[in-house]
Amino acid sequence: VRQPRLRERFVPSSEAGARAAVMGWGI
């Protein structure tokens, strides 16, 4: 898919983004 539109949840930290994924915030 070219230029896909996504449902985005912004987490401005690499470690916190991984933690958010563990908590079930998204992919």
mmCIF file of all heavy atoms, coordinates in Angstrom:
data_MODEL
# 
_entry.id   MODEL 
# 
loop_
_atom_site.group_PDB 
_atom_site.id 
_atom_site.type_symbol 
_atom_site.label_atom_id 
_atom_site.label_alt_id 
_atom_site.label_comp_id 
_atom_site.label_asym_id 
_atom_site.label_entity_id 
_atom_site.label_seq_id 
_atom_site.pdbx_PDB_ins_code 
_atom_site.Cartn_x 
_atom_site.Cartn_y 
_atom_site.Cartn_z 
_atom_site.occupancy 
_atom_site.B_iso_or_equiv 
_atom_site.pdbx_formal_charge 
_atom_site.auth_seq_id 
_atom_site.auth_comp_id 
_atom_site.auth_asym_id 
_atom_site.auth_atom_id 
_atom_site.pdbx_PDB_model_num 
ATOM 1   N N   . VAL A 1 1  ? 0.853  -1.193 0.000  1.00 0.00 ? 1  VAL A N   1 
ATOM 2   C CA  . VAL A 1 1  ? 0.000  0.000  0.000  1.00 0.00 ? 1  VAL A CA  1 
ATOM 3   C C   . VAL A 1 1  ? 0.886  1.239  0.000  1.00 0.00 ? 1  VAL A C   1 
ATOM 4   O O   . VAL A 1 1  ? 1.754  1.392  0.867  1.00 0.00 ? 1  VAL A O   1 
ATOM 5   C CB  . VAL A 1 1  ? -0.917 0.016  1.238  1.00 0.00 ? 1  VAL A CB  1 
ATOM 6   C CG1 . VAL A 1 1  ? -1.788 1.270  1.236  1.00 0.00 ? 1  VAL A CG1 1 
ATOM 7   C CG2 . VAL A 1 1  ? -1.774 -1.237 1.284  1.00 0.00 ? 1  VAL A CG2 1 
ATOM 8   N N   . ARG A 1 2  ? 0.671  2.121  -0.954 1.00 0.00 ? 2  ARG A N   1 
ATOM 9   C CA  . ARG A 1 2  ? 1.438  3.361  -1.012 1.00 0.00 ? 2  ARG A CA  1 
ATOM 10  C C   . ARG A 1 2  ? 0.815  4.398  -0.083 1.00 0.00 ? 2  ARG A C   1 
ATOM 11  O O   . ARG A 1 2  ? -0.388 4.585  -0.052 1.00 0.00 ? 2  ARG A O   1 
ATOM 12  C CB  . ARG A 1 2  ? 1.480  3.913  -2.434 1.00 0.00 ? 2  ARG A CB  1 
ATOM 13  C CG  . ARG A 1 2  ? 2.209  3.016  -3.444 1.00 0.00 ? 2  ARG A CG  1 
ATOM 14  C CD  . ARG A 1 2  ? 2.250  3.659  -4.806 1.00 0.00 ? 2  ARG A CD  1 
ATOM 15  N NE  . ARG A 1 2  ? 2.936  4.942  -4.771 1.00 0.00 ? 2  ARG A NE  1 
ATOM 16  C CZ  . ARG A 1 2  ? 3.019  5.771  -5.819 1.00 0.00 ? 2  ARG A CZ  1 
ATOM 17  N NH1 . ARG A 1 2  ? 2.432  5.448  -6.969 1.00 0.00 ? 2  ARG A NH1 1 
ATOM 18  N NH2 . ARG A 1 2  ? 3.672  6.909  -5.710 1.00 0.00 ? 2  ARG A NH2 1 
ATOM 19  N N   . GLN A 1 3  ? 1.662  5.060  0.711  1.00 0.00 ? 3  GLN A N   1 
ATOM 20  C CA  . GLN A 1 3  ? 1.238  6.121  1.621  1.00 0.00 ? 3  GLN A CA  1 
ATOM 21  C C   . GLN A 1 3  ? 0.038  5.690  2.473  1.00 0.00 ? 3  GLN A C   1 
ATOM 22  O O   . GLN A 1 3  ? -1.042 6.299  2.426  1.00 0.00 ? 3  GLN A O   1 
ATOM 23  C CB  . GLN A 1 3  ? 0.902  7.396  0.838  1.00 0.00 ? 3  GLN A CB  1 
ATOM 24  C CG  . GLN A 1 3  ? 2.089  7.967  0.084  1.00 0.00 ? 3  GLN A CG  1 
ATOM 25  C CD  . GLN A 1 3  ? 1.751  9.243  -0.663 1.00 0.00 ? 3  GLN A CD  1 
ATOM 26  O OE1 . GLN A 1 3  ? 0.603  9.529  -0.976 1.00 0.00 ? 3  GLN A OE1 1 
ATOM 27  N NE2 . GLN A 1 3  ? 2.772  10.025 -0.957 1.00 0.00 ? 3  GLN A NE2 1 
ATOM 28  N N   . PRO A 1 4  ? 0.191  4.652  3.258  1.00 0.00 ? 4  PRO A N   1 
ATOM 29  C CA  . PRO A 1 4  ? -0.923 4.180  4.086  1.00 0.00 ? 4  PRO A CA  1 
ATOM 30  C C   . PRO A 1 4  ? -1.274 5.188  5.174  1.00 0.00 ? 4  PRO A C   1 
ATOM 31  O O   . PRO A 1 4  ? -0.407 5.879  5.713  1.00 0.00 ? 4  PRO A O   1 
ATOM 32  C CB  . PRO A 1 4  ? -0.373 2.883  4.691  1.00 0.00 ? 4  PRO A CB  1 
ATOM 33  C CG  . PRO A 1 4  ? 1.106  3.076  4.711  1.00 0.00 ? 4  PRO A CG  1 
ATOM 34  C CD  . PRO A 1 4  ? 1.426  3.867  3.479  1.00 0.00 ? 4  PRO A CD  1 
ATOM 35  N N   . ARG A 1 5  ? -2.542 5.254  5.507  1.00 0.00 ? 5  ARG A N   1 
ATOM 36  C CA  . ARG A 1 5  ? -3.012 6.094  6.607  1.00 0.00 ? 5  ARG A CA  1 
ATOM 37  C C   . ARG A 1 5  ? -3.220 5.195  7.820  1.00 0.00 ? 5  ARG A C   1 
ATOM 38  O O   . ARG A 1 5  ? -3.955 4.204  7.754  1.00 0.00 ? 5  ARG A O   1 
ATOM 39  C CB  . ARG A 1 5  ? -4.311 6.817  6.221  1.00 0.00 ? 5  ARG A CB  1 
ATOM 40  C CG  . ARG A 1 5  ? -4.150 7.750  5.028  1.00 0.00 ? 5  ARG A CG  1 
ATOM 41  C CD  . ARG A 1 5  ? -5.411 8.538  4.762  1.00 0.00 ? 5  ARG A CD  1 
ATOM 42  N NE  . ARG A 1 5  ? -5.733 9.420  5.888  1.00 0.00 ? 5  ARG A NE  1 
ATOM 43  C CZ  . ARG A 1 5  ? -6.784 10.239 5.907  1.00 0.00 ? 5  ARG A CZ  1 
ATOM 44  N NH1 . ARG A 1 5  ? -7.631 10.250 4.884  1.00 0.00 ? 5  ARG A NH1 1 
ATOM 45  N NH2 . ARG A 1 5  ? -6.998 11.014 6.949  1.00 0.00 ? 5  ARG A NH2 1 
ATOM 46  N N   . LEU A 1 6  ? -2.572 5.576  8.926  1.00 0.00 ? 6  LEU A N   1 
ATOM 47  C CA  . LEU A 1 6  ? -2.574 4.733  10.105 1.00 0.00 ? 6  LEU A CA  1 
ATOM 48  C C   . LEU A 1 6  ? -3.226 5.440  11.287 1.00 0.00 ? 6  LEU A C   1 
ATOM 49  O O   . LEU A 1 6  ? -3.256 6.677  11.357 1.00 0.00 ? 6  LEU A O   1 
ATOM 50  C CB  . LEU A 1 6  ? -1.135 4.359  10.496 1.00 0.00 ? 6  LEU A CB  1 
ATOM 51  C CG  . LEU A 1 6  ? -0.264 3.683  9.429  1.00 0.00 ? 6  LEU A CG  1 
ATOM 52  C CD1 . LEU A 1 6  ? 1.147  3.471  9.965  1.00 0.00 ? 6  LEU A CD1 1 
ATOM 53  C CD2 . LEU A 1 6  ? -0.879 2.369  8.980  1.00 0.00 ? 6  LEU A CD2 1 
ATOM 54  N N   . ARG A 1 7  ? -3.735 4.638  12.205 1.00 0.00 ? 7  ARG A N   1 
ATOM 55  C CA  . ARG A 1 7  ? -4.139 5.160  13.512 1.00 0.00 ? 7  ARG A CA  1 
ATOM 56  C C   . ARG A 1 7  ? -2.877 5.260  14.361 1.00 0.00 ? 7  ARG A C   1 
ATOM 57  O O   . ARG A 1 7  ? -2.271 4.241  14.694 1.00 0.00 ? 7  ARG A O   1 
ATOM 58  C CB  . ARG A 1 7  ? -5.156 4.241  14.179 1.00 0.00 ? 7  ARG A CB  1 
ATOM 59  C CG  . ARG A 1 7  ? -6.531 4.234  13.554 1.00 0.00 ? 7  ARG A CG  1 
ATOM 60  C CD  . ARG A 1 7  ? -7.464 3.321  14.343 1.00 0.00 ? 7  ARG A CD  1 
ATOM 61  N NE  . ARG A 1 7  ? -7.593 3.764  15.740 1.00 0.00 ? 7  ARG A NE  1 
ATOM 62  C CZ  . ARG A 1 7  ? -8.117 3.027  16.714 1.00 0.00 ? 7  ARG A CZ  1 
ATOM 63  N NH1 . ARG A 1 7  ? -8.519 1.781  16.457 1.00 0.00 ? 7  ARG A NH1 1 
ATOM 64  N NH2 . ARG A 1 7  ? -8.214 3.512  17.933 1.00 0.00 ? 7  ARG A NH2 1 
ATOM 65  N N   . GLU A 1 8  ? -2.470 6.454  14.687 1.00 0.00 ? 8  GLU A N   1 
ATOM 66  C CA  . GLU A 1 8  ? -1.172 6.670  15.331 1.00 0.00 ? 8  GLU A CA  1 
ATOM 67  C C   . GLU A 1 8  ? -1.345 7.055  16.799 1.00 0.00 ? 8  GLU A C   1 
ATOM 68  O O   . GLU A 1 8  ? -2.187 7.900  17.139 1.00 0.00 ? 8  GLU A O   1 
ATOM 69  C CB  . GLU A 1 8  ? -0.396 7.765  14.594 1.00 0.00 ? 8  GLU A CB  1 
ATOM 70  C CG  . GLU A 1 8  ? -0.083 7.413  13.148 1.00 0.00 ? 8  GLU A CG  1 
ATOM 71  C CD  . GLU A 1 8  ? 0.512  8.566  12.387 1.00 0.00 ? 8  GLU A CD  1 
ATOM 72  O OE1 . GLU A 1 8  ? 0.070  9.717  12.611 1.00 0.00 ? 8  GLU A OE1 1 
ATOM 73  O OE2 . GLU A 1 8  ? 1.419  8.333  11.562 1.00 0.00 ? 8  GLU A OE2 1 
ATOM 74  N N   . ARG A 1 9  ? -0.528 6.449  17.648 1.00 0.00 ? 9  ARG A N   1 
ATOM 75  C CA  . ARG A 1 9  ? -0.427 6.830  19.039 1.00 0.00 ? 9  ARG A CA  1 
ATOM 76  C C   . ARG A 1 9  ? 1.028  7.223  19.292 1.00 0.00 ? 9  ARG A C   1 
ATOM 77  O O   . ARG A 1 9  ? 1.917  6.375  19.222 1.00 0.00 ? 9  ARG A O   1 
ATOM 78  C CB  . ARG A 1 9  ? -0.861 5.680  19.953 1.00 0.00 ? 9  ARG A CB  1 
ATOM 79  C CG  . ARG A 1 9  ? -2.367 5.424  19.887 1.00 0.00 ? 9  ARG A CG  1 
ATOM 80  C CD  . ARG A 1 9  ? -2.811 4.279  20.758 1.00 0.00 ? 9  ARG A CD  1 
ATOM 81  N NE  . ARG A 1 9  ? -4.283 4.187  20.753 1.00 0.00 ? 9  ARG A NE  1 
ATOM 82  C CZ  . ARG A 1 9  ? -4.978 3.156  21.208 1.00 0.00 ? 9  ARG A CZ  1 
ATOM 83  N NH1 . ARG A 1 9  ? -4.342 2.103  21.704 1.00 0.00 ? 9  ARG A NH1 1 
ATOM 84  N NH2 . ARG A 1 9  ? -6.298 3.158  21.182 1.00 0.00 ? 9  ARG A NH2 1 
ATOM 85  N N   . PHE A 1 10 ? 1.262  8.491  19.569 1.00 0.00 ? 10 PHE A N   1 
ATOM 86  C CA  . PHE A 1 10 ? 2.619  9.019  19.634 1.00 0.00 ? 10 PHE A CA  1 
ATOM 87  C C   . PHE A 1 10 ? 3.223  8.806  21.021 1.00 0.00 ? 10 PHE A C   1 
ATOM 88  O O   . PHE A 1 10 ? 2.655  9.218  22.036 1.00 0.00 ? 10 PHE A O   1 
ATOM 89  C CB  . PHE A 1 10 ? 2.627  10.512 19.285 1.00 0.00 ? 10 PHE A CB  1 
ATOM 90  C CG  . PHE A 1 10 ? 2.254  10.788 17.855 1.00 0.00 ? 10 PHE A CG  1 
ATOM 91  C CD1 . PHE A 1 10 ? 0.975  11.184 17.520 1.00 0.00 ? 10 PHE A CD1 1 
ATOM 92  C CD2 . PHE A 1 10 ? 3.184  10.631 16.843 1.00 0.00 ? 10 PHE A CD2 1 
ATOM 93  C CE1 . PHE A 1 10 ? 0.622  11.426 16.215 1.00 0.00 ? 10 PHE A CE1 1 
ATOM 94  C CE2 . PHE A 1 10 ? 2.852  10.872 15.523 1.00 0.00 ? 10 PHE A CE2 1 
ATOM 95  C CZ  . PHE A 1 10 ? 1.568  11.267 15.206 1.00 0.00 ? 10 PHE A CZ  1 
ATOM 96  N N   . VAL A 1 11 ? 4.388  8.162  21.038 1.00 0.00 ? 11 VAL A N   1 
ATOM 97  C CA  . VAL A 1 11 ? 5.151  7.939  22.271 1.00 0.00 ? 11 VAL A CA  1 
ATOM 98  C C   . VAL A 1 11 ? 6.600  8.304  21.945 1.00 0.00 ? 11 VAL A C   1 
ATOM 99  O O   . VAL A 1 11 ? 7.322  7.501  21.351 1.00 0.00 ? 11 VAL A O   1 
ATOM 100 C CB  . VAL A 1 11 ? 5.046  6.485  22.760 1.00 0.00 ? 11 VAL A CB  1 
ATOM 101 C CG1 . VAL A 1 11 ? 5.842  6.313  24.063 1.00 0.00 ? 11 VAL A CG1 1 
ATOM 102 C CG2 . VAL A 1 11 ? 3.591  6.081  22.969 1.00 0.00 ? 11 VAL A CG2 1 
ATOM 103 N N   . PRO A 1 12 ? 7.061  9.502  22.320 1.00 0.00 ? 12 PRO A N   1 
ATOM 104 C CA  . PRO A 1 12 ? 8.366  10.005 21.854 1.00 0.00 ? 12 PRO A CA  1 
ATOM 105 C C   . PRO A 1 12 ? 9.558  9.473  22.633 1.00 0.00 ? 12 PRO A C   1 
ATOM 106 O O   . PRO A 1 12 ? 10.386 10.218 23.147 1.00 0.00 ? 12 PRO A O   1 
ATOM 107 C CB  . PRO A 1 12 ? 8.219  11.518 22.024 1.00 0.00 ? 12 PRO A CB  1 
ATOM 108 C CG  . PRO A 1 12 ? 7.302  11.666 23.189 1.00 0.00 ? 12 PRO A CG  1 
ATOM 109 C CD  . PRO A 1 12 ? 6.320  10.528 23.086 1.00 0.00 ? 12 PRO A CD  1 
ATOM 110 N N   . SER A 1 13 ? 9.677  8.158  22.721 1.00 0.00 ? 13 SER A N   1 
ATOM 111 C CA  . SER A 1 13 ? 10.824 7.517  23.369 1.00 0.00 ? 13 SER A CA  1 
ATOM 112 C C   . SER A 1 13 ? 10.890 6.086  22.865 1.00 0.00 ? 13 SER A C   1 
ATOM 113 O O   . SER A 1 13 ? 9.855  5.409  22.797 1.00 0.00 ? 13 SER A O   1 
ATOM 114 C CB  . SER A 1 13 ? 10.662 7.543  24.893 1.00 0.00 ? 13 SER A CB  1 
ATOM 115 O OG  . SER A 1 13 ? 11.510 6.603  25.517 1.00 0.00 ? 13 SER A OG  1 
ATOM 116 N N   . SER A 1 14 ? 12.091 5.628  22.528 1.00 0.00 ? 14 SER A N   1 
ATOM 117 C CA  . SER A 1 14 ? 12.228 4.260  22.045 1.00 0.00 ? 14 SER A CA  1 
ATOM 118 C C   . SER A 1 14 ? 11.846 3.264  23.128 1.00 0.00 ? 14 SER A C   1 
ATOM 119 O O   . SER A 1 14 ? 11.071 2.329  22.892 1.00 0.00 ? 14 SER A O   1 
ATOM 120 C CB  . SER A 1 14 ? 13.663 4.010  21.579 1.00 0.00 ? 14 SER A CB  1 
ATOM 121 O OG  . SER A 1 14 ? 14.009 4.870  20.517 1.00 0.00 ? 14 SER A OG  1 
ATOM 122 N N   . GLU A 1 15 ? 12.417 3.455  24.325 1.00 0.00 ? 15 GLU A N   1 
ATOM 123 C CA  . GLU A 1 15 ? 12.121 2.525  25.414 1.00 0.00 ? 15 GLU A CA  1 
ATOM 124 C C   . GLU A 1 15 ? 10.657 2.590  25.831 1.00 0.00 ? 15 GLU A C   1 
ATOM 125 O O   . GLU A 1 15 ? 10.017 1.558  26.063 1.00 0.00 ? 15 GLU A O   1 
ATOM 126 C CB  . GLU A 1 15 ? 13.013 2.812  26.623 1.00 0.00 ? 15 GLU A CB  1 
ATOM 127 C CG  . GLU A 1 15 ? 14.495 2.628  26.357 1.00 0.00 ? 15 GLU A CG  1 
ATOM 128 C CD  . GLU A 1 15 ? 15.177 3.918  25.929 1.00 0.00 ? 15 GLU A CD  1 
ATOM 129 O OE1 . GLU A 1 15 ? 14.492 4.798  25.347 1.00 0.00 ? 15 GLU A OE1 1 
ATOM 130 O OE2 . GLU A 1 15 ? 16.393 4.050  26.164 1.00 0.00 ? 15 GLU A OE2 1 
ATOM 131 N N   . ALA A 1 16 ? 10.106 3.816  25.925 1.00 0.00 ? 16 ALA A N   1 
ATOM 132 C CA  . ALA A 1 16 ? 8.705  3.957  26.310 1.00 0.00 ? 16 ALA A CA  1 
ATOM 133 C C   . ALA A 1 16 ? 7.777  3.408  25.235 1.00 0.00 ? 16 ALA A C   1 
ATOM 134 O O   . ALA A 1 16 ? 6.710  2.865  25.543 1.00 0.00 ? 16 ALA A O   1 
ATOM 135 C CB  . ALA A 1 16 ? 8.383  5.421  26.597 1.00 0.00 ? 16 ALA A CB  1 
ATOM 136 N N   . GLY A 1 17 ? 8.162  3.538  23.967 1.00 0.00 ? 17 GLY A N   1 
ATOM 137 C CA  . GLY A 1 17 ? 7.352  2.961  22.895 1.00 0.00 ? 17 GLY A CA  1 
ATOM 138 C C   . GLY A 1 17 ? 7.288  1.449  23.002 1.00 0.00 ? 17 GLY A C   1 
ATOM 139 O O   . GLY A 1 17 ? 6.228  0.842  22.795 1.00 0.00 ? 17 GLY A O   1 
ATOM 140 N N   . ALA A 1 18 ? 8.420  0.829  23.340 1.00 0.00 ? 18 ALA A N   1 
ATOM 141 C CA  . ALA A 1 18 ? 8.423  -0.621 23.551 1.00 0.00 ? 18 ALA A CA  1 
ATOM 142 C C   . ALA A 1 18 ? 7.554  -0.990 24.743 1.00 0.00 ? 18 ALA A C   1 
ATOM 143 O O   . ALA A 1 18 ? 6.797  -1.976 24.692 1.00 0.00 ? 18 ALA A O   1 
ATOM 144 C CB  . ALA A 1 18 ? 9.859  -1.109 23.760 1.00 0.00 ? 18 ALA A CB  1 
ATOM 145 N N   . ARG A 1 19 ? 7.645  -0.190 25.806 1.00 0.00 ? 19 ARG A N   1 
ATOM 146 C CA  . ARG A 1 19 ? 6.826  -0.463 26.981 1.00 0.00 ? 19 ARG A CA  1 
ATOM 147 C C   . ARG A 1 19 ? 5.342  -0.299 26.663 1.00 0.00 ? 19 ARG A C   1 
ATOM 148 O O   . ARG A 1 19 ? 4.498  -1.084 27.140 1.00 0.00 ? 19 ARG A O   1 
ATOM 149 C CB  . ARG A 1 19 ? 7.234  0.485  28.117 1.00 0.00 ? 19 ARG A CB  1 
ATOM 150 C CG  . ARG A 1 19 ? 6.507  0.240  29.443 1.00 0.00 ? 19 ARG A CG  1 
ATOM 151 C CD  . ARG A 1 19 ? 6.776  -1.155 29.962 1.00 0.00 ? 19 ARG A CD  1 
ATOM 152 N NE  . ARG A 1 19 ? 6.022  -1.434 31.169 1.00 0.00 ? 19 ARG A NE  1 
ATOM 153 C CZ  . ARG A 1 19 ? 5.817  -2.651 31.655 1.00 0.00 ? 19 ARG A CZ  1 
ATOM 154 N NH1 . ARG A 1 19 ? 6.322  -3.706 31.025 1.00 0.00 ? 19 ARG A NH1 1 
ATOM 155 N NH2 . ARG A 1 19 ? 5.126  -2.837 32.755 1.00 0.00 ? 19 ARG A NH2 1 
ATOM 156 N N   . ALA A 1 20 ? 5.007  0.716  25.867 1.00 0.00 ? 20 ALA A N   1 
ATOM 157 C CA  . ALA A 1 20 ? 3.611  0.917  25.471 1.00 0.00 ? 20 ALA A CA  1 
ATOM 158 C C   . ALA A 1 20 ? 3.098  -0.288 24.686 1.00 0.00 ? 20 ALA A C   1 
ATOM 159 O O   . ALA A 1 20 ? 1.938  -0.690 24.830 1.00 0.00 ? 20 ALA A O   1 
ATOM 160 C CB  . ALA A 1 20 ? 3.480  2.194  24.652 1.00 0.00 ? 20 ALA A CB  1 
ATOM 161 N N   . ALA A 1 21 ? 3.952  -0.870 23.849 1.00 0.00 ? 21 ALA A N   1 
ATOM 162 C CA  . ALA A 1 21 ? 3.547  -2.064 23.104 1.00 0.00 ? 21 ALA A CA  1 
ATOM 163 C C   . ALA A 1 21 ? 3.286  -3.224 24.055 1.00 0.00 ? 21 ALA A C   1 
ATOM 164 O O   . ALA A 1 21 ? 2.307  -3.968 23.895 1.00 0.00 ? 21 ALA A O   1 
ATOM 165 C CB  . ALA A 1 21 ? 4.619  -2.436 22.086 1.00 0.00 ? 21 ALA A CB  1 
ATOM 166 N N   . VAL A 1 22 ? 4.146  -3.390 25.061 1.00 0.00 ? 22 VAL A N   1 
ATOM 167 C CA  . VAL A 1 22 ? 3.939  -4.446 26.057 1.00 0.00 ? 22 VAL A CA  1 
ATOM 168 C C   . VAL A 1 22 ? 2.611  -4.240 26.784 1.00 0.00 ? 22 VAL A C   1 
ATOM 169 O O   . VAL A 1 22 ? 1.902  -5.203 27.100 1.00 0.00 ? 22 VAL A O   1 
ATOM 170 C CB  . VAL A 1 22 ? 5.107  -4.467 27.063 1.00 0.00 ? 22 VAL A CB  1 
ATOM 171 C CG1 . VAL A 1 22 ? 4.793  -5.380 28.244 1.00 0.00 ? 22 VAL A CG1 1 
ATOM 172 C CG2 . VAL A 1 22 ? 6.395  -4.915 26.372 1.00 0.00 ? 22 VAL A CG2 1 
ATOM 173 N N   . MET A 1 23 ? 2.230  -2.982 27.018 1.00 0.00 ? 23 MET A N   1 
ATOM 174 C CA  . MET A 1 23 ? 0.997  -2.668 27.731 1.00 0.00 ? 23 MET A CA  1 
ATOM 175 C C   . MET A 1 23 ? -0.243 -2.763 26.842 1.00 0.00 ? 23 MET A C   1 
ATOM 176 O O   . MET A 1 23 ? -1.362 -2.552 27.313 1.00 0.00 ? 23 MET A O   1 
ATOM 177 C CB  . MET A 1 23 ? 1.103  -1.268 28.331 1.00 0.00 ? 23 MET A CB  1 
ATOM 178 C CG  . MET A 1 23 ? 2.197  -1.136 29.383 1.00 0.00 ? 23 MET A CG  1 
ATOM 179 S SD  . MET A 1 23 ? 2.503  0.581  29.885 1.00 0.00 ? 23 MET A SD  1 
ATOM 180 C CE  . MET A 1 23 ? 0.940  0.965  30.707 1.00 0.00 ? 23 MET A CE  1 
ATOM 181 N N   . GLY A 1 24 ? -0.040 -3.056 25.549 1.00 0.00 ? 24 GLY A N   1 
ATOM 182 C CA  . GLY A 1 24 ? -1.180 -3.243 24.667 1.00 0.00 ? 24 GLY A CA  1 
ATOM 183 C C   . GLY A 1 24 ? -1.709 -1.995 24.008 1.00 0.00 ? 24 GLY A C   1 
ATOM 184 O O   . GLY A 1 24 ? -2.869 -1.943 23.609 1.00 0.00 ? 24 GLY A O   1 
ATOM 185 N N   . TRP A 1 25 ? -0.858 -0.991 23.845 1.00 0.00 ? 25 TRP A N   1 
ATOM 186 C CA  . TRP A 1 25 ? -1.302 0.254  23.220 1.00 0.00 ? 25 TRP A CA  1 
ATOM 187 C C   . TRP A 1 25 ? -1.429 0.128  21.706 1.00 0.00 ? 25 TRP A C   1 
ATOM 188 O O   . TRP A 1 25 ? -2.101 0.934  21.083 1.00 0.00 ? 25 TRP A O   1 
ATOM 189 C CB  . TRP A 1 25 ? -0.330 1.378  23.548 1.00 0.00 ? 25 TRP A CB  1 
ATOM 190 C CG  . TRP A 1 25 ? -0.458 1.895  24.948 1.00 0.00 ? 25 TRP A CG  1 
ATOM 191 C CD1 . TRP A 1 25 ? -0.890 1.213  26.049 1.00 0.00 ? 25 TRP A CD1 1 
ATOM 192 C CD2 . TRP A 1 25 ? -0.133 3.211  25.400 1.00 0.00 ? 25 TRP A CD2 1 
ATOM 193 N NE1 . TRP A 1 25 ? -0.850 2.014  27.144 1.00 0.00 ? 25 TRP A NE1 1 
ATOM 194 C CE2 . TRP A 1 25 ? -0.396 3.246  26.794 1.00 0.00 ? 25 TRP A CE2 1 
ATOM 195 C CE3 . TRP A 1 25 ? 0.357  4.350  24.784 1.00 0.00 ? 25 TRP A CE3 1 
ATOM 196 C CZ2 . TRP A 1 25 ? -0.187 4.393  27.560 1.00 0.00 ? 25 TRP A CZ2 1 
ATOM 197 C CZ3 . TRP A 1 25 ? 0.578  5.490  25.542 1.00 0.00 ? 25 TRP A CZ3 1 
ATOM 198 C CH2 . TRP A 1 25 ? 0.299  5.511  26.908 1.00 0.00 ? 25 TRP A CH2 1 
ATOM 199 N N   . GLY A 1 26 ? -0.750 -0.817 21.116 1.00 0.00 ? 26 GLY A N   1 
ATOM 200 C CA  . GLY A 1 26 ? -0.809 -0.962 19.667 1.00 0.00 ? 26 GLY A CA  1 
ATOM 201 C C   . GLY A 1 26 ? 0.380  -1.746 19.151 1.00 0.00 ? 26 GLY A C   1 
ATOM 202 O O   . GLY A 1 26 ? 1.157  -2.327 19.919 1.00 0.00 ? 26 GLY A O   1 
ATOM 203 N N   . ILE A 1 27 ? 0.500  -1.752 17.833 1.00 0.00 ? 27 ILE A N   1 
ATOM 204 C CA  . ILE A 1 27 ? 1.632  -2.403 17.168 1.00 0.00 ? 27 ILE A CA  1 
ATOM 205 C C   . ILE A 1 27 ? 2.781  -1.406 17.096 1.00 0.00 ? 27 ILE A C   1 
ATOM 206 O O   . ILE A 1 27 ? 2.587  -0.228 16.782 1.00 0.00 ? 27 ILE A O   1 
ATOM 207 C CB  . ILE A 1 27 ? 1.230  -2.877 15.763 1.00 0.00 ? 27 ILE A CB  1 
ATOM 208 C CG1 . ILE A 1 27 ? 0.162  -3.978 15.861 1.00 0.00 ? 27 ILE A CG1 1 
ATOM 209 C CG2 . ILE A 1 27 ? 2.442  -3.385 14.987 1.00 0.00 ? 27 ILE A CG2 1 
ATOM 210 C CD1 . ILE A 1 27 ? -0.396 -4.403 14.522 1.00 0.00 ? 27 ILE A CD1 1 
# 
